[in-house]
Amino acid sequence: MRSAVSLLLCSTAFAAALAVGCASTKLTSTWRDPAIGPVQFRKVAGIALTADPTVRRLAEDEFVRAVGPAQGIAGYTLIPDEELRDRDKARARLEAAGVDGAVVYRLAAVEERERWVPPTTYGSMWGYWGWAGPQVWEPGYLTTDQFVQVETAAYSISDARLVWAGRSQTINPSSVEDLIGGVVRVSVAELRKEKLIP
């Protein structure tokens, strides 16, 4: 099992994927440690593992907005960008800040898939019948859909234990803000459902 700080390694691919945004986001899988009883974080840091400082701040600020400033704190206010890859310094800063939980976001995969969009036609099959197709309103075409998967992991800081994990999928990203908003929204909703955050 990886510790909380072991996931605090930067990913330049994360920034690249976030740069394309989000249209539709949903959780595709979740897991919770069955050996852990009721846990609720009182002060939780949101941390986006990316080499892009702007994207990091957008994501971590969105996390604070979703959780609320009473419980949420942006990771960049605790761990400077230049120390994000240093697990010992990251651990020390989180512990010194008195946070009891960390929610870590990391890019898992980006894939593109081709999809056939059939033609739009007038009327019935018989209106389209014949050697030529003058009744076709819009020809069919191939389009490419983009699927961005982000892993979210919630850790207890005191023992660096993984408490909850989820993977989200975003289809056809359109903007950085929409992607971040979608991923944070579905993950925070599930963390509330699991009573890990108020």
N, C-alpha and C. Protein backbone atom coordinates (compact mmCIF):
# COMPACT_ATOMS: atom_id res chain seq x y z
N MET A 1 0.85 -1.18 0.00
CA MET A 1 0.00 0.00 0.00
C MET A 1 0.90 1.24 0.00
N ARG A 2 0.61 2.20 -0.89
CA ARG A 2 1.42 3.40 -0.96
C ARG A 2 1.01 4.38 0.12
N SER A 3 1.99 5.09 0.67
CA SER A 3 1.68 6.07 1.70
C SER A 3 1.16 7.35 1.05
N ALA A 4 0.63 8.24 1.89
CA ALA A 4 0.09 9.50 1.38
C ALA A 4 1.16 10.30 0.67
N VAL A 5 2.33 10.37 1.26
CA VAL A 5 3.37 11.20 0.66
C VAL A 5 3.99 10.56 -0.56
N SER A 6 3.87 9.24 -0.72
CA SER A 6 4.43 8.62 -1.91
C SER A 6 3.66 9.03 -3.15
N LEU A 7 2.40 9.48 -2.96
CA LEU A 7 1.62 9.96 -4.09
C LEU A 7 1.86 11.44 -4.38
N LEU A 8 2.72 12.08 -3.60
CA LEU A 8 2.97 13.49 -3.80
C LEU A 8 4.07 13.73 -4.83
N LEU A 9 4.13 12.88 -5.83
CA LEU A 9 5.08 13.03 -6.91
C LEU A 9 4.39 13.73 -8.07
N CYS A 10 5.08 14.66 -8.72
CA CYS A 10 4.47 15.44 -9.79
C CYS A 10 4.22 14.59 -11.03
N SER A 11 3.26 15.02 -11.81
CA SER A 11 2.98 14.37 -13.09
C SER A 11 2.78 15.45 -14.13
N THR A 12 3.72 15.56 -15.07
CA THR A 12 3.56 16.57 -16.12
C THR A 12 2.40 16.19 -17.03
N ALA A 13 2.11 14.91 -17.14
CA ALA A 13 0.97 14.49 -17.96
C ALA A 13 -0.34 14.98 -17.38
N PHE A 14 -0.41 15.08 -16.03
CA PHE A 14 -1.63 15.56 -15.37
C PHE A 14 -1.96 16.96 -15.87
N ALA A 15 -0.95 17.83 -15.94
CA ALA A 15 -1.18 19.19 -16.41
C ALA A 15 -1.65 19.19 -17.85
N ALA A 16 -1.06 18.33 -18.68
CA ALA A 16 -1.45 18.27 -20.08
C ALA A 16 -2.90 17.84 -20.23
N ALA A 17 -3.30 16.85 -19.46
CA ALA A 17 -4.67 16.37 -19.57
C ALA A 17 -5.65 17.40 -19.04
N LEU A 18 -5.30 18.06 -17.94
CA LEU A 18 -6.20 19.07 -17.38
C LEU A 18 -6.38 20.24 -18.33
N ALA A 19 -5.38 20.48 -19.17
CA ALA A 19 -5.45 21.62 -20.07
C ALA A 19 -6.59 21.50 -21.07
N VAL A 20 -7.16 20.31 -21.26
CA VAL A 20 -8.22 20.14 -22.22
C VAL A 20 -9.62 20.23 -21.63
N GLY A 21 -9.77 20.14 -20.33
CA GLY A 21 -11.05 20.41 -19.70
C GLY A 21 -11.99 19.23 -19.55
N CYS A 22 -13.30 19.52 -19.36
CA CYS A 22 -14.24 18.45 -19.04
C CYS A 22 -15.64 18.75 -19.53
N ALA A 23 -16.35 17.73 -20.01
CA ALA A 23 -17.74 17.90 -20.40
C ALA A 23 -18.66 17.07 -19.52
N SER A 24 -18.25 15.84 -19.22
CA SER A 24 -19.09 14.94 -18.45
C SER A 24 -18.20 14.06 -17.58
N THR A 25 -18.41 14.12 -16.26
CA THR A 25 -17.56 13.37 -15.33
C THR A 25 -18.41 12.47 -14.45
N LYS A 26 -17.94 11.22 -14.26
CA LYS A 26 -18.61 10.31 -13.34
C LYS A 26 -17.56 9.41 -12.69
N LEU A 27 -17.88 8.91 -11.51
CA LEU A 27 -17.01 7.93 -10.86
C LEU A 27 -17.24 6.57 -11.51
N THR A 28 -16.16 5.90 -11.87
CA THR A 28 -16.29 4.58 -12.49
C THR A 28 -15.99 3.47 -11.49
N SER A 29 -15.27 3.78 -10.41
CA SER A 29 -15.02 2.78 -9.37
C SER A 29 -14.62 3.48 -8.07
N THR A 30 -14.95 2.83 -6.96
CA THR A 30 -14.55 3.34 -5.64
C THR A 30 -14.16 2.17 -4.74
N TRP A 31 -13.39 2.48 -3.71
CA TRP A 31 -12.97 1.49 -2.73
C TRP A 31 -12.83 2.17 -1.38
N ARG A 32 -13.20 1.48 -0.32
CA ARG A 32 -12.98 1.98 1.03
C ARG A 32 -12.40 0.86 1.86
N ASP A 33 -11.43 1.18 2.71
CA ASP A 33 -10.78 0.18 3.55
C ASP A 33 -11.82 -0.39 4.52
N PRO A 34 -12.16 -1.67 4.38
CA PRO A 34 -13.19 -2.26 5.25
C PRO A 34 -12.73 -2.44 6.69
N ALA A 35 -11.42 -2.36 6.91
CA ALA A 35 -10.90 -2.57 8.26
C ALA A 35 -10.95 -1.31 9.11
N ILE A 36 -11.26 -0.17 8.48
CA ILE A 36 -11.30 1.09 9.22
C ILE A 36 -12.74 1.40 9.59
N GLY A 37 -12.96 1.72 10.83
CA GLY A 37 -14.29 2.09 11.31
C GLY A 37 -14.63 3.50 10.89
N PRO A 38 -15.58 4.12 11.56
CA PRO A 38 -15.98 5.49 11.22
C PRO A 38 -14.82 6.46 11.33
N VAL A 39 -14.62 7.23 10.27
CA VAL A 39 -13.56 8.25 10.22
C VAL A 39 -14.15 9.50 9.59
N GLN A 40 -13.88 10.66 10.18
CA GLN A 40 -14.27 11.91 9.54
C GLN A 40 -13.15 12.92 9.75
N PHE A 41 -12.62 13.41 8.64
CA PHE A 41 -11.53 14.38 8.71
C PHE A 41 -12.07 15.74 9.16
N ARG A 42 -11.36 16.34 10.10
CA ARG A 42 -11.73 17.67 10.57
C ARG A 42 -11.03 18.77 9.78
N LYS A 43 -9.80 18.49 9.34
CA LYS A 43 -9.03 19.45 8.54
C LYS A 43 -8.33 18.65 7.46
N VAL A 44 -8.75 18.83 6.22
CA VAL A 44 -8.26 17.99 5.12
C VAL A 44 -7.63 18.84 4.02
N ALA A 45 -6.46 18.42 3.56
CA ALA A 45 -5.75 19.13 2.50
C ALA A 45 -6.10 18.50 1.16
N GLY A 46 -6.39 19.33 0.17
CA GLY A 46 -6.58 18.87 -1.20
C GLY A 46 -5.30 19.09 -1.96
N ILE A 47 -4.78 18.04 -2.60
CA ILE A 47 -3.49 18.12 -3.29
C ILE A 47 -3.62 17.57 -4.70
N ALA A 48 -3.30 18.39 -5.70
CA ALA A 48 -3.30 17.96 -7.10
C ALA A 48 -1.85 17.73 -7.52
N LEU A 49 -1.55 16.52 -7.92
CA LEU A 49 -0.19 16.18 -8.33
C LEU A 49 0.02 16.56 -9.79
N THR A 50 0.58 17.73 -9.99
CA THR A 50 0.84 18.24 -11.33
C THR A 50 2.06 19.15 -11.29
N ALA A 51 2.79 19.18 -12.38
CA ALA A 51 3.95 20.05 -12.47
C ALA A 51 3.55 21.48 -12.86
N ASP A 52 2.29 21.68 -13.23
CA ASP A 52 1.80 23.00 -13.64
C ASP A 52 1.23 23.72 -12.42
N PRO A 53 1.92 24.77 -11.93
CA PRO A 53 1.45 25.47 -10.72
C PRO A 53 0.07 26.10 -10.87
N THR A 54 -0.26 26.58 -12.07
CA THR A 54 -1.57 27.20 -12.28
C THR A 54 -2.68 26.17 -12.15
N VAL A 55 -2.49 25.02 -12.79
CA VAL A 55 -3.50 23.96 -12.72
C VAL A 55 -3.61 23.46 -11.28
N ARG A 56 -2.48 23.35 -10.61
CA ARG A 56 -2.50 22.90 -9.22
C ARG A 56 -3.36 23.83 -8.36
N ARG A 57 -3.17 25.12 -8.52
CA ARG A 57 -3.93 26.08 -7.71
C ARG A 57 -5.42 26.06 -8.06
N LEU A 58 -5.73 25.94 -9.34
CA LEU A 58 -7.14 25.85 -9.74
C LEU A 58 -7.81 24.65 -9.08
N ALA A 59 -7.14 23.49 -9.13
CA ALA A 59 -7.72 22.27 -8.58
C ALA A 59 -7.85 22.33 -7.06
N GLU A 60 -6.80 22.78 -6.40
CA GLU A 60 -6.82 22.80 -4.93
C GLU A 60 -7.77 23.86 -4.39
N ASP A 61 -7.87 24.99 -5.07
CA ASP A 61 -8.85 26.01 -4.67
C ASP A 61 -10.27 25.50 -4.86
N GLU A 62 -10.50 24.76 -5.95
CA GLU A 62 -11.82 24.19 -6.19
C GLU A 62 -12.18 23.18 -5.10
N PHE A 63 -11.20 22.41 -4.66
CA PHE A 63 -11.43 21.46 -3.58
C PHE A 63 -11.87 22.19 -2.31
N VAL A 64 -11.19 23.29 -1.98
CA VAL A 64 -11.55 24.06 -0.78
C VAL A 64 -12.96 24.62 -0.91
N ARG A 65 -13.32 25.11 -2.10
CA ARG A 65 -14.68 25.62 -2.31
C ARG A 65 -15.71 24.51 -2.10
N ALA A 66 -15.41 23.31 -2.61
CA ALA A 66 -16.36 22.20 -2.52
C ALA A 66 -16.51 21.69 -1.09
N VAL A 67 -15.40 21.60 -0.37
CA VAL A 67 -15.42 21.08 1.00
C VAL A 67 -15.84 22.15 2.00
N GLY A 68 -15.44 23.39 1.73
CA GLY A 68 -15.68 24.50 2.64
C GLY A 68 -14.40 24.89 3.35
N PRO A 69 -14.18 26.18 3.52
CA PRO A 69 -12.93 26.65 4.13
C PRO A 69 -12.76 26.27 5.59
N ALA A 70 -13.82 25.86 6.25
CA ALA A 70 -13.69 25.46 7.65
C ALA A 70 -12.95 24.13 7.79
N GLN A 71 -13.11 23.24 6.79
CA GLN A 71 -12.45 21.93 6.84
C GLN A 71 -11.37 21.77 5.77
N GLY A 72 -11.53 22.42 4.63
CA GLY A 72 -10.61 22.22 3.51
C GLY A 72 -9.48 23.23 3.48
N ILE A 73 -8.33 22.77 3.02
CA ILE A 73 -7.18 23.65 2.86
C ILE A 73 -6.45 23.27 1.58
N ALA A 74 -6.05 24.28 0.81
CA ALA A 74 -5.34 24.04 -0.45
C ALA A 74 -3.92 23.59 -0.15
N GLY A 75 -3.52 22.50 -0.79
CA GLY A 75 -2.19 21.95 -0.54
C GLY A 75 -1.06 22.92 -0.82
N TYR A 76 -1.22 23.81 -1.82
CA TYR A 76 -0.13 24.72 -2.15
C TYR A 76 0.14 25.74 -1.05
N THR A 77 -0.83 25.95 -0.15
CA THR A 77 -0.58 26.86 0.97
C THR A 77 0.29 26.19 2.05
N LEU A 78 0.43 24.87 1.95
CA LEU A 78 1.25 24.13 2.91
C LEU A 78 2.56 23.63 2.30
N ILE A 79 2.47 23.15 1.07
CA ILE A 79 3.63 22.55 0.40
C ILE A 79 3.98 23.38 -0.84
N PRO A 80 5.11 24.09 -0.83
CA PRO A 80 5.50 24.87 -2.01
C PRO A 80 5.69 23.96 -3.22
N ASP A 81 5.52 24.51 -4.41
CA ASP A 81 5.66 23.73 -5.64
C ASP A 81 7.00 23.01 -5.72
N GLU A 82 8.06 23.69 -5.30
CA GLU A 82 9.40 23.10 -5.40
C GLU A 82 9.62 21.95 -4.42
N GLU A 83 8.72 21.79 -3.44
CA GLU A 83 8.87 20.70 -2.47
C GLU A 83 7.86 19.57 -2.70
N LEU A 84 7.03 19.70 -3.71
CA LEU A 84 5.97 18.72 -3.92
C LEU A 84 6.51 17.33 -4.21
N ARG A 85 7.69 17.25 -4.83
CA ARG A 85 8.27 15.95 -5.15
C ARG A 85 9.06 15.34 -3.99
N ASP A 86 9.29 16.13 -2.96
CA ASP A 86 10.08 15.66 -1.82
C ASP A 86 9.14 15.11 -0.75
N ARG A 87 9.04 13.79 -0.65
CA ARG A 87 8.05 13.19 0.25
C ARG A 87 8.30 13.50 1.71
N ASP A 88 9.57 13.59 2.10
CA ASP A 88 9.87 13.88 3.51
C ASP A 88 9.44 15.29 3.89
N LYS A 89 9.73 16.25 3.01
CA LYS A 89 9.33 17.64 3.28
C LYS A 89 7.81 17.78 3.23
N ALA A 90 7.19 17.08 2.27
CA ALA A 90 5.72 17.14 2.17
C ALA A 90 5.09 16.57 3.43
N ARG A 91 5.59 15.44 3.90
CA ARG A 91 5.06 14.81 5.11
C ARG A 91 5.21 15.76 6.30
N ALA A 92 6.39 16.35 6.44
CA ALA A 92 6.65 17.24 7.57
C ALA A 92 5.71 18.45 7.55
N ARG A 93 5.47 19.00 6.38
CA ARG A 93 4.61 20.18 6.27
C ARG A 93 3.14 19.85 6.58
N LEU A 94 2.68 18.70 6.12
CA LEU A 94 1.30 18.30 6.42
C LEU A 94 1.11 18.04 7.91
N GLU A 95 2.07 17.36 8.51
CA GLU A 95 1.98 17.08 9.94
C GLU A 95 2.06 18.35 10.76
N ALA A 96 2.96 19.27 10.37
CA ALA A 96 3.11 20.53 11.10
C ALA A 96 1.86 21.40 11.00
N ALA A 97 1.13 21.28 9.90
CA ALA A 97 -0.08 22.09 9.71
C ALA A 97 -1.27 21.55 10.50
N GLY A 98 -1.13 20.35 11.05
CA GLY A 98 -2.21 19.79 11.86
C GLY A 98 -3.37 19.23 11.06
N VAL A 99 -3.15 18.94 9.76
CA VAL A 99 -4.23 18.34 8.99
C VAL A 99 -4.33 16.87 9.37
N ASP A 100 -5.53 16.34 9.38
CA ASP A 100 -5.69 14.92 9.72
C ASP A 100 -6.02 14.07 8.50
N GLY A 101 -6.26 14.72 7.34
CA GLY A 101 -6.54 13.99 6.12
C GLY A 101 -5.99 14.70 4.90
N ALA A 102 -5.74 13.93 3.86
CA ALA A 102 -5.31 14.49 2.58
C ALA A 102 -6.07 13.79 1.47
N VAL A 103 -6.61 14.59 0.54
CA VAL A 103 -7.27 14.05 -0.64
C VAL A 103 -6.38 14.40 -1.82
N VAL A 104 -5.84 13.35 -2.46
CA VAL A 104 -4.82 13.52 -3.49
C VAL A 104 -5.39 13.16 -4.86
N TYR A 105 -5.23 14.08 -5.83
CA TYR A 105 -5.70 13.87 -7.19
C TYR A 105 -4.50 13.61 -8.10
N ARG A 106 -4.62 12.58 -8.95
CA ARG A 106 -3.54 12.23 -9.87
C ARG A 106 -4.12 11.71 -11.18
N LEU A 107 -3.53 12.17 -12.29
CA LEU A 107 -3.97 11.67 -13.60
C LEU A 107 -3.67 10.18 -13.71
N ALA A 108 -4.66 9.40 -14.16
CA ALA A 108 -4.47 7.96 -14.34
C ALA A 108 -4.28 7.59 -15.81
N ALA A 109 -5.07 8.18 -16.70
CA ALA A 109 -4.98 7.82 -18.12
C ALA A 109 -5.72 8.83 -18.98
N VAL A 110 -5.25 8.96 -20.21
CA VAL A 110 -5.95 9.74 -21.23
C VAL A 110 -5.98 8.87 -22.49
N GLU A 111 -7.18 8.60 -23.00
CA GLU A 111 -7.27 7.82 -24.23
C GLU A 111 -8.25 8.45 -25.20
N GLU A 112 -8.03 8.17 -26.47
CA GLU A 112 -8.93 8.65 -27.51
C GLU A 112 -9.52 7.45 -28.22
N ARG A 113 -10.83 7.53 -28.52
CA ARG A 113 -11.51 6.44 -29.21
C ARG A 113 -12.33 7.03 -30.36
N GLU A 114 -12.26 6.36 -31.50
CA GLU A 114 -13.05 6.79 -32.64
C GLU A 114 -14.47 6.25 -32.52
N ARG A 115 -15.42 7.04 -33.00
CA ARG A 115 -16.83 6.66 -32.94
C ARG A 115 -17.52 7.08 -34.24
N TRP A 116 -18.32 6.18 -34.80
CA TRP A 116 -19.06 6.48 -36.02
C TRP A 116 -20.38 7.15 -35.67
N VAL A 117 -20.61 8.30 -36.27
CA VAL A 117 -21.89 9.01 -36.11
C VAL A 117 -22.68 8.79 -37.39
N PRO A 118 -23.82 8.09 -37.32
CA PRO A 118 -24.56 7.76 -38.55
C PRO A 118 -25.17 8.99 -39.21
N PRO A 119 -25.50 8.86 -40.50
CA PRO A 119 -26.09 10.01 -41.19
C PRO A 119 -27.49 10.34 -40.67
N THR A 120 -27.85 11.59 -40.79
CA THR A 120 -29.20 12.05 -40.47
C THR A 120 -29.95 12.13 -41.80
N THR A 121 -31.12 11.48 -41.88
CA THR A 121 -31.86 11.44 -43.14
C THR A 121 -33.26 11.99 -42.98
N TYR A 122 -33.84 12.37 -44.11
CA TYR A 122 -35.25 12.74 -44.14
C TYR A 122 -36.12 11.50 -44.06
N GLY A 123 -37.20 11.57 -43.35
CA GLY A 123 -38.27 10.58 -43.45
C GLY A 123 -37.88 9.15 -43.16
N SER A 124 -38.55 8.24 -43.90
CA SER A 124 -38.45 6.80 -43.65
C SER A 124 -37.33 6.17 -44.46
N MET A 125 -37.21 4.86 -44.30
CA MET A 125 -36.24 4.08 -45.05
C MET A 125 -36.47 4.26 -46.55
N TRP A 126 -37.76 4.30 -46.97
CA TRP A 126 -38.06 4.34 -48.41
C TRP A 126 -37.75 5.71 -49.01
N GLY A 127 -37.76 6.74 -48.19
CA GLY A 127 -37.37 8.04 -48.71
C GLY A 127 -35.88 8.09 -49.00
N TYR A 128 -35.14 7.17 -48.37
CA TYR A 128 -33.69 7.12 -48.53
C TYR A 128 -33.29 6.10 -49.59
N TRP A 129 -34.28 5.30 -50.06
CA TRP A 129 -34.01 4.18 -50.97
C TRP A 129 -33.51 4.67 -52.32
N GLY A 130 -32.64 3.85 -52.94
CA GLY A 130 -32.18 4.17 -54.29
C GLY A 130 -30.66 4.15 -54.37
N TRP A 131 -30.18 4.31 -55.59
CA TRP A 131 -28.73 4.26 -55.80
C TRP A 131 -28.05 5.52 -55.27
N ALA A 132 -28.67 6.61 -55.41
CA ALA A 132 -28.10 7.86 -54.92
C ALA A 132 -28.82 8.22 -53.63
N GLY A 133 -28.24 9.10 -52.88
CA GLY A 133 -28.84 9.46 -51.60
C GLY A 133 -29.15 10.93 -51.48
N PRO A 134 -30.00 11.47 -52.37
CA PRO A 134 -30.30 12.90 -52.30
C PRO A 134 -31.06 13.30 -51.05
N GLN A 135 -31.63 12.30 -50.35
CA GLN A 135 -32.43 12.61 -49.17
C GLN A 135 -31.58 12.77 -47.91
N VAL A 136 -30.28 12.51 -48.01
CA VAL A 136 -29.43 12.59 -46.81
C VAL A 136 -29.31 14.05 -46.37
N TRP A 137 -29.65 14.28 -45.13
CA TRP A 137 -29.56 15.65 -44.58
C TRP A 137 -28.13 15.94 -44.16
N GLU A 138 -27.51 14.98 -43.49
CA GLU A 138 -26.13 15.16 -43.05
C GLU A 138 -25.43 13.80 -43.15
N PRO A 139 -24.29 13.74 -43.84
CA PRO A 139 -23.63 12.45 -44.00
C PRO A 139 -23.05 11.95 -42.67
N GLY A 140 -22.85 10.64 -42.60
CA GLY A 140 -22.20 10.08 -41.42
C GLY A 140 -20.74 10.45 -41.39
N TYR A 141 -20.14 10.35 -40.23
CA TYR A 141 -18.73 10.72 -40.11
C TYR A 141 -18.13 10.05 -38.88
N LEU A 142 -16.80 9.99 -38.87
CA LEU A 142 -16.07 9.49 -37.72
C LEU A 142 -15.69 10.66 -36.84
N THR A 143 -15.84 10.49 -35.54
CA THR A 143 -15.40 11.52 -34.60
C THR A 143 -14.54 10.85 -33.52
N THR A 144 -13.75 11.63 -32.85
CA THR A 144 -12.87 11.09 -31.81
C THR A 144 -13.30 11.62 -30.45
N ASP A 145 -13.56 10.71 -29.52
CA ASP A 145 -13.91 11.07 -28.15
C ASP A 145 -12.67 10.93 -27.28
N GLN A 146 -12.51 11.84 -26.35
CA GLN A 146 -11.39 11.78 -25.41
C GLN A 146 -11.90 11.39 -24.03
N PHE A 147 -11.21 10.44 -23.41
CA PHE A 147 -11.56 9.96 -22.07
C PHE A 147 -10.40 10.24 -21.13
N VAL A 148 -10.65 11.05 -20.10
CA VAL A 148 -9.62 11.39 -19.13
C VAL A 148 -9.99 10.75 -17.80
N GLN A 149 -9.08 9.94 -17.25
CA GLN A 149 -9.33 9.28 -15.98
C GLN A 149 -8.41 9.86 -14.91
N VAL A 150 -9.01 10.19 -13.77
CA VAL A 150 -8.27 10.77 -12.65
C VAL A 150 -8.51 9.90 -11.41
N GLU A 151 -7.44 9.59 -10.72
CA GLU A 151 -7.54 8.85 -9.46
C GLU A 151 -7.60 9.83 -8.30
N THR A 152 -8.48 9.55 -7.35
CA THR A 152 -8.58 10.35 -6.13
C THR A 152 -8.34 9.40 -4.96
N ALA A 153 -7.46 9.79 -4.05
CA ALA A 153 -7.16 8.94 -2.89
C ALA A 153 -7.24 9.78 -1.63
N ALA A 154 -7.94 9.27 -0.62
CA ALA A 154 -8.06 9.96 0.67
C ALA A 154 -7.24 9.20 1.69
N TYR A 155 -6.35 9.92 2.37
CA TYR A 155 -5.43 9.33 3.33
C TYR A 155 -5.60 9.93 4.72
N SER A 156 -5.38 9.10 5.71
CA SER A 156 -5.27 9.56 7.09
C SER A 156 -3.81 9.96 7.29
N ILE A 157 -3.56 11.18 7.74
CA ILE A 157 -2.19 11.67 7.87
C ILE A 157 -1.44 11.01 9.03
N SER A 158 -2.11 10.73 10.11
CA SER A 158 -1.42 10.20 11.30
C SER A 158 -0.68 8.89 11.02
N ASP A 159 -1.27 8.03 10.18
CA ASP A 159 -0.61 6.75 9.88
C ASP A 159 -0.37 6.55 8.38
N ALA A 160 -0.59 7.62 7.57
CA ALA A 160 -0.39 7.58 6.11
C ALA A 160 -1.18 6.44 5.47
N ARG A 161 -2.35 6.14 6.02
CA ARG A 161 -3.13 5.00 5.57
C ARG A 161 -4.17 5.41 4.52
N LEU A 162 -4.26 4.63 3.47
CA LEU A 162 -5.28 4.85 2.45
C LEU A 162 -6.63 4.46 3.03
N VAL A 163 -7.55 5.42 3.04
CA VAL A 163 -8.88 5.20 3.61
C VAL A 163 -9.91 4.95 2.51
N TRP A 164 -9.80 5.72 1.43
CA TRP A 164 -10.76 5.65 0.33
C TRP A 164 -10.05 5.97 -0.98
N ALA A 165 -10.48 5.34 -2.06
CA ALA A 165 -9.94 5.63 -3.38
C ALA A 165 -11.05 5.56 -4.41
N GLY A 166 -10.94 6.37 -5.43
CA GLY A 166 -11.92 6.36 -6.50
C GLY A 166 -11.27 6.73 -7.82
N ARG A 167 -11.89 6.32 -8.89
CA ARG A 167 -11.42 6.70 -10.23
C ARG A 167 -12.59 7.33 -10.97
N SER A 168 -12.34 8.51 -11.54
CA SER A 168 -13.38 9.20 -12.30
C SER A 168 -13.01 9.19 -13.77
N GLN A 169 -14.03 9.32 -14.60
CA GLN A 169 -13.82 9.41 -16.04
C GLN A 169 -14.54 10.63 -16.58
N THR A 170 -13.83 11.42 -17.35
CA THR A 170 -14.39 12.61 -17.97
C THR A 170 -14.37 12.40 -19.48
N ILE A 171 -15.50 12.61 -20.12
CA ILE A 171 -15.60 12.42 -21.56
C ILE A 171 -15.60 13.77 -22.27
N ASN A 172 -14.76 13.87 -23.28
CA ASN A 172 -14.66 15.06 -24.13
C ASN A 172 -14.46 16.35 -23.34
N PRO A 173 -13.30 16.49 -22.71
CA PRO A 173 -13.01 17.72 -21.97
C PRO A 173 -13.11 18.95 -22.85
N SER A 174 -13.55 20.04 -22.25
CA SER A 174 -13.68 21.29 -23.01
C SER A 174 -12.92 22.46 -22.37
N SER A 175 -12.65 22.41 -21.07
CA SER A 175 -11.90 23.48 -20.41
C SER A 175 -11.29 22.95 -19.12
N VAL A 176 -10.23 23.60 -18.70
CA VAL A 176 -9.57 23.20 -17.46
C VAL A 176 -10.52 23.31 -16.28
N GLU A 177 -11.24 24.44 -16.21
CA GLU A 177 -12.14 24.66 -15.08
C GLU A 177 -13.25 23.63 -15.01
N ASP A 178 -13.81 23.27 -16.17
CA ASP A 178 -14.88 22.28 -16.17
C ASP A 178 -14.38 20.90 -15.75
N LEU A 179 -13.19 20.52 -16.22
CA LEU A 179 -12.64 19.23 -15.83
C LEU A 179 -12.40 19.17 -14.33
N ILE A 180 -11.74 20.20 -13.82
CA ILE A 180 -11.45 20.24 -12.39
C ILE A 180 -12.74 20.24 -11.59
N GLY A 181 -13.69 21.08 -11.99
CA GLY A 181 -14.96 21.15 -11.28
C GLY A 181 -15.68 19.82 -11.25
N GLY A 182 -15.69 19.12 -12.39
CA GLY A 182 -16.37 17.83 -12.46
C GLY A 182 -15.73 16.78 -11.58
N VAL A 183 -14.40 16.69 -11.65
CA VAL A 183 -13.67 15.68 -10.86
C VAL A 183 -13.83 15.95 -9.37
N VAL A 184 -13.66 17.21 -8.97
CA VAL A 184 -13.78 17.55 -7.55
C VAL A 184 -15.20 17.33 -7.07
N ARG A 185 -16.18 17.73 -7.87
CA ARG A 185 -17.58 17.61 -7.47
C ARG A 185 -17.97 16.15 -7.19
N VAL A 186 -17.63 15.23 -8.12
CA VAL A 186 -18.04 13.84 -7.91
C VAL A 186 -17.27 13.18 -6.78
N SER A 187 -16.00 13.55 -6.61
CA SER A 187 -15.21 12.93 -5.54
C SER A 187 -15.65 13.44 -4.17
N VAL A 188 -15.89 14.73 -4.05
CA VAL A 188 -16.32 15.28 -2.76
C VAL A 188 -17.70 14.75 -2.39
N ALA A 189 -18.58 14.61 -3.37
CA ALA A 189 -19.90 14.05 -3.09
C ALA A 189 -19.78 12.63 -2.53
N GLU A 190 -18.87 11.84 -3.09
CA GLU A 190 -18.70 10.47 -2.60
C GLU A 190 -18.03 10.45 -1.23
N LEU A 191 -17.09 11.36 -0.99
CA LEU A 191 -16.46 11.44 0.34
C LEU A 191 -17.48 11.83 1.40
N ARG A 192 -18.42 12.68 1.04
CA ARG A 192 -19.50 13.04 1.99
C ARG A 192 -20.41 11.84 2.21
N LYS A 193 -20.72 11.14 1.16
CA LYS A 193 -21.58 9.96 1.28
C LYS A 193 -20.94 8.92 2.21
N GLU A 194 -19.61 8.81 2.14
CA GLU A 194 -18.88 7.89 3.02
C GLU A 194 -18.63 8.48 4.40
N LYS A 195 -19.09 9.71 4.62
CA LYS A 195 -18.94 10.43 5.89
C LYS A 195 -17.48 10.66 6.28
N LEU A 196 -16.62 10.76 5.27
CA LEU A 196 -15.21 11.07 5.53
C LEU A 196 -14.99 12.56 5.73
N ILE A 197 -15.89 13.36 5.16
CA ILE A 197 -15.87 14.81 5.38
C ILE A 197 -17.29 15.24 5.70
N PRO A 198 -17.43 16.32 6.47
CA PRO A 198 -18.78 16.79 6.85
C PRO A 198 -19.54 17.39 5.68
